[in-house]
Structures are given as structure tokens and as C-alpha cells.
Protein backbone atom coordinates (compact mmCIF):
# COMPACT_ATOMS: atom_id res chain seq x y z
CA UNK A 1 -25.80 29.34 -40.39
CA UNK A 2 -22.26 29.02 -41.12
CA UNK A 3 -20.87 29.90 -37.81
CA UNK A 4 -23.16 27.46 -36.36
CA UNK A 5 -22.44 24.73 -38.62
CA UNK A 6 -18.57 25.68 -38.13
CA UNK A 7 -19.32 25.37 -34.22
CA UNK A 8 -20.99 22.21 -34.51
CA UNK A 9 -18.04 20.62 -36.37
CA UNK A 10 -15.78 21.86 -33.85
CA UNK A 11 -17.61 20.30 -30.97
CA UNK A 12 -17.60 16.87 -32.65
CA UNK A 13 -14.01 16.93 -33.30
CA UNK A 14 -13.47 17.97 -29.98
CA UNK A 15 -15.32 15.12 -28.45
CA UNK A 16 -13.82 12.52 -30.67
CA UNK A 17 -10.43 13.65 -29.81
CA UNK A 18 -11.67 13.39 -26.10
CA UNK A 19 -13.14 10.01 -26.68
CA UNK A 20 -9.60 8.74 -28.06
CA UNK A 21 -7.79 10.17 -25.47
CA UNK A 22 -9.88 8.60 -22.72
CA UNK A 23 -8.33 7.48 -19.69
CA UNK A 24 -9.52 4.43 -18.15
CA UNK A 25 -10.02 4.51 -14.40
CA UNK A 26 -6.97 4.28 -12.22
CA UNK A 27 -8.29 2.02 -9.63
CA UNK A 28 -7.56 -1.74 -10.20
CA UNK A 29 -8.53 -4.39 -7.86
CA UNK A 30 -6.37 -7.73 -7.70
CA UNK A 31 -4.99 -10.62 -5.50
CA UNK A 32 -1.53 -12.43 -5.28
CA UNK A 33 0.98 -14.69 -3.45
CA UNK A 34 4.38 -14.79 -2.20
CA UNK A 35 7.08 -16.92 -0.83
CA UNK A 36 9.41 -15.56 2.21
CA UNK A 37 12.37 -16.67 4.21
CA UNK A 38 13.91 -15.16 7.31
CA UNK A 39 12.90 -14.75 10.89
CA UNK A 40 13.85 -16.24 14.03
CA UNK A 41 13.54 -19.99 14.45
CA UNK A 42 10.46 -20.91 16.53
CA UNK A 43 11.52 -24.68 16.45
CA UNK A 44 11.96 -27.56 13.86
CA UNK A 45 9.57 -30.70 13.28
CA UNK A 46 10.87 -33.97 12.40
CA UNK A 47 8.87 -35.55 9.52
CA UNK A 48 8.60 -39.59 9.32
CA UNK A 49 7.17 -41.83 6.64
CA UNK A 50 4.34 -44.42 7.13
CA UNK A 51 6.99 -47.02 8.28
CA UNK A 52 8.57 -44.52 10.99
CA UNK A 53 11.50 -43.72 9.42
CA UNK A 54 12.89 -40.16 9.85
CA UNK A 55 12.93 -38.31 6.59
CA UNK A 56 13.94 -34.48 7.30
CA UNK A 57 13.38 -31.70 9.63
CA UNK A 58 11.72 -28.60 9.04
CA UNK A 59 12.06 -25.54 10.60
CA UNK A 60 9.37 -23.06 11.59
CA UNK A 61 10.40 -19.40 11.32
CA UNK A 62 9.05 -16.00 11.84
CA UNK A 63 9.34 -14.87 8.34
CA UNK A 64 8.32 -17.59 6.31
CA UNK A 65 6.66 -19.07 4.25
CA UNK A 66 3.89 -18.46 1.99
CA UNK A 67 1.81 -15.17 1.75
CA UNK A 68 -1.98 -14.82 0.18
CA UNK A 69 -3.53 -11.37 -0.22
CA UNK A 70 -6.06 -9.33 -2.20
CA UNK A 71 -6.80 -5.70 -2.26
CA UNK A 72 -6.94 -2.42 -4.57
CA UNK A 73 -4.35 0.07 -6.11
CA UNK A 74 -4.50 3.57 -7.85
CA UNK A 75 -2.54 3.80 -10.66
CA UNK A 76 -2.85 6.72 -13.25
CA UNK A 77 -1.19 6.78 -16.44
CA UNK A 78 -0.65 10.76 -16.06
CA UNK A 79 1.57 10.33 -12.90
CA UNK A 80 4.86 8.00 -11.83
CA UNK A 81 3.25 7.40 -8.41
CA UNK A 82 0.87 4.75 -7.40
CA UNK A 83 -0.40 3.23 -4.35
CA UNK A 84 -1.44 0.06 -3.28
CA UNK A 85 -3.57 -1.47 -0.06
CA UNK A 86 -3.74 -5.03 0.43
CA UNK A 87 -4.81 -7.63 3.35
CA UNK A 88 -3.75 -11.24 3.32
CA UNK A 89 -2.74 -14.26 5.16
CA UNK A 90 1.05 -15.01 5.85
CA UNK A 91 2.01 -18.61 7.54
CA UNK A 92 4.93 -21.26 7.96
CA UNK A 93 3.71 -24.76 8.66
CA UNK A 94 4.64 -28.61 8.96
CA UNK A 95 2.53 -31.33 9.14
CA UNK A 96 2.69 -34.99 10.06
CA UNK A 97 2.16 -38.09 12.02
CA UNK A 98 2.11 -38.14 15.67
CA UNK A 99 4.59 -40.70 16.64
CA UNK A 100 3.37 -41.82 19.84
CA UNK A 101 -0.24 -43.08 18.10
CA UNK A 102 1.06 -43.04 14.44
CA UNK A 103 -2.50 -42.02 13.42
CA UNK A 104 -3.34 -38.66 14.44
CA UNK A 105 -2.45 -35.68 12.50
CA UNK A 106 -0.36 -32.82 14.21
CA UNK A 107 0.36 -29.33 12.74
CA UNK A 108 2.97 -26.71 13.91
CA UNK A 109 2.62 -23.15 12.43
CA UNK A 110 3.20 -19.58 12.68
CA UNK A 111 0.47 -17.50 11.18
CA UNK A 112 -0.59 -13.62 10.80
CA UNK A 113 -2.59 -11.21 8.94
CA UNK A 114 -0.45 -8.53 7.29
CA UNK A 115 -2.30 -5.28 6.06
CA UNK A 116 -0.16 -3.32 3.91
CA UNK A 117 -0.02 -0.18 2.24
CA UNK A 118 2.63 0.35 -0.34
CA UNK A 119 2.89 3.90 -2.11
CA UNK A 120 5.51 3.72 -4.96
CA UNK A 121 7.31 5.37 -8.11
CA UNK A 122 7.37 4.26 -11.51
CA UNK A 123 10.18 3.99 -14.03
CA UNK A 124 8.87 2.64 -17.47
CA UNK A 125 8.16 -1.23 -16.37
CA UNK A 126 9.67 -0.70 -13.15
CA UNK A 127 8.84 0.59 -9.65
CA UNK A 128 10.51 0.89 -6.28
CA UNK A 129 8.34 1.30 -3.14
CA UNK A 130 8.63 2.06 0.57
CA UNK A 131 5.47 0.98 2.56
CA UNK A 132 3.78 0.26 5.61
CA UNK A 133 2.90 -3.26 7.11
CA UNK A 134 0.51 -4.02 10.24
CA UNK A 135 0.37 -7.75 11.25
CA UNK A 136 -2.60 -8.56 12.95
CA UNK A 137 -3.04 -11.72 15.51
CA UNK A 138 0.60 -13.26 15.14
CA UNK A 139 -0.17 -16.78 16.34
CA UNK A 140 2.47 -19.67 17.12
CA UNK A 141 0.65 -23.13 17.86
CA UNK A 142 2.30 -26.87 18.27
CA UNK A 143 0.70 -29.84 19.39
CA UNK A 144 -0.49 -30.42 23.05
CA UNK A 145 0.19 -26.94 23.74
CA UNK A 146 -2.20 -23.89 23.67
CA UNK A 147 -1.53 -21.33 20.95
CA UNK A 148 0.91 -18.55 22.06
CA UNK A 149 -0.38 -15.11 20.84
CA UNK A 150 2.00 -12.19 19.91
CA UNK A 151 0.90 -8.57 19.97
CA UNK A 152 -0.36 -6.96 16.74
CA UNK A 153 3.13 -5.62 15.07
CA UNK A 154 3.83 -2.51 12.70
CA UNK A 155 6.75 -3.19 10.10
CA UNK A 156 8.36 -1.82 7.06
CA UNK A 157 8.52 -2.50 3.48
CA UNK A 158 10.80 -2.04 0.89
CA UNK A 159 9.97 -3.30 -2.66
CA UNK A 160 10.66 -3.56 -6.19
CA UNK A 161 8.49 -4.38 -9.12
CA UNK A 162 8.58 -5.20 -12.60
CA UNK A 163 5.65 -5.35 -14.82
CA UNK A 164 5.41 -6.77 -17.98
CA UNK A 165 1.71 -5.18 -18.56
CA UNK A 166 -0.76 -3.10 -16.40
CA UNK A 167 -2.34 -6.07 -15.16
CA UNK A 168 0.72 -8.17 -14.00
CA UNK A 169 3.34 -7.19 -11.07
CA UNK A 170 6.42 -9.63 -10.23
CA UNK A 171 8.17 -8.27 -6.81
CA UNK A 172 11.09 -8.53 -4.90
CA UNK A 173 10.68 -7.17 -1.25
CA UNK A 174 12.24 -6.88 2.30
CA UNK A 175 10.30 -6.67 5.44
CA UNK A 176 11.38 -5.36 8.88
CA UNK A 177 9.15 -6.56 11.75
CA UNK A 178 9.30 -7.78 15.42
CA UNK A 179 6.65 -9.86 16.97
CA UNK A 180 6.61 -9.31 20.89
CA UNK A 181 4.70 -12.14 23.19
CA UNK A 182 1.21 -10.65 24.50
CA UNK A 183 1.83 -12.04 27.99
CA UNK A 184 5.57 -10.96 28.16
CA UNK A 185 6.98 -8.14 26.52
CA UNK A 186 10.43 -9.56 27.18
CA UNK A 187 10.00 -12.26 24.94
CA UNK A 188 10.32 -11.36 21.20
CA UNK A 189 10.74 -12.68 17.76
CA UNK A 190 12.58 -10.84 14.47
CA UNK A 191 10.13 -11.63 11.70
CA UNK A 192 12.56 -9.79 9.05
CA UNK A 193 12.39 -11.55 5.77
CA UNK A 194 13.10 -11.47 1.92
CA UNK A 195 10.52 -12.67 -0.61
CA UNK A 196 9.30 -12.65 -4.03
CA UNK A 197 5.60 -12.21 -5.23
CA UNK A 198 3.55 -12.10 -7.96
CA UNK A 199 -0.05 -10.05 -8.33
CA UNK A 200 -2.59 -9.88 -10.97
CA UNK A 201 -4.89 -6.71 -11.36
CA UNK A 202 -8.18 -6.08 -13.19
């Protein structure tokens, strides 16, 4: 009887210890946004005010400007290694009035849909990663012209991240990528860029 009681007590203590040291799921889902700069210039757009006075000129570049993405990451407390996969929308656009009519809104843009896979290694709250990026449907558009299509493009990522906690990450990155015109492979654009981003994980 005493042996059974001791065995039962040992099992209870073991269960409590296991419960106290239980590790949450290493999988997280999240979303983020970033700002990027760089790449070849596709053109510039002159911006005018409502009185027809020139205000400024905006450049459209193959490595700019806003990127939004969402995805998942694997981050185990038992290992310094982690990995994330995201899919998003990356674009640079300029908007204004058509000066020929002064009424019609026009838009010039360069957009693409990046899929990113980024393995990295953690050092306390810091991490370094080298990964892969694949941009789907790179497209440039301007008023009175058909959209210009580029081939889907592979690229590479180098990124440093700082995490104040396990749910927020701030990043500094460099991306190497080139876009080739779909109808003429002799025409290409360098989309290399640097950027900053923030991601939120749950």
C-alpha cells in the first residue's frame, strides 16, 4: 500500500513539473509592413496642385516602396534556429491629375507579389537570417499604356531582426533581385533594395 502511495505521489509531482515546464506551440501566425528604397528607375511623375502649378517630381523605382505581408513562423524555445514564410504585396505608386483634362485621376506604379522563406538564428533578442524570395507578376503601368509584364523573379534576402518580445520583430534587410521583361529578355531591371520592417506574431 505504501509503495502504491509513493508511486502515486511521484506521478503527481512529475505531472506538475511537466505542466510547469510545458512549452507553448512553436508555431505563430502574423503580419507586417515595411518601407524599402533602391532599384533602377522606371520613370518619374510630375505632381501638380489644383491650380496647375508644379509641386514636385516622384520617381518610380523597381526596389521601392511599401511592402505588406502575412504568414507563419516556427520559433522553438529549445533551439536558436527559427524560420518564417510570408506572402505579400510590394509596390511603388504615384497618383495625380491628368493635366490634359485636369479632371481624370492617373496612376503610375510598379507592383509584385513576393513569397519569402527566411531561416535565421537567434542570439538572445537579436537574429540574423539568409533567405529566398520569389516575386510573382512584376508589373509596371502608366497612363494611356498597356501594363508592362516582367517574368516572375527569384532573389535573395539578408536580414537582421531585433525582438523586444516574442510577438514583435523589427527588421533591417537587403534584397538582391532582378526583373526581366517577359517579351524581351534583353531588357531587365535591378530591383535590389534595402528596407526596414515590423512584424507582429500571435
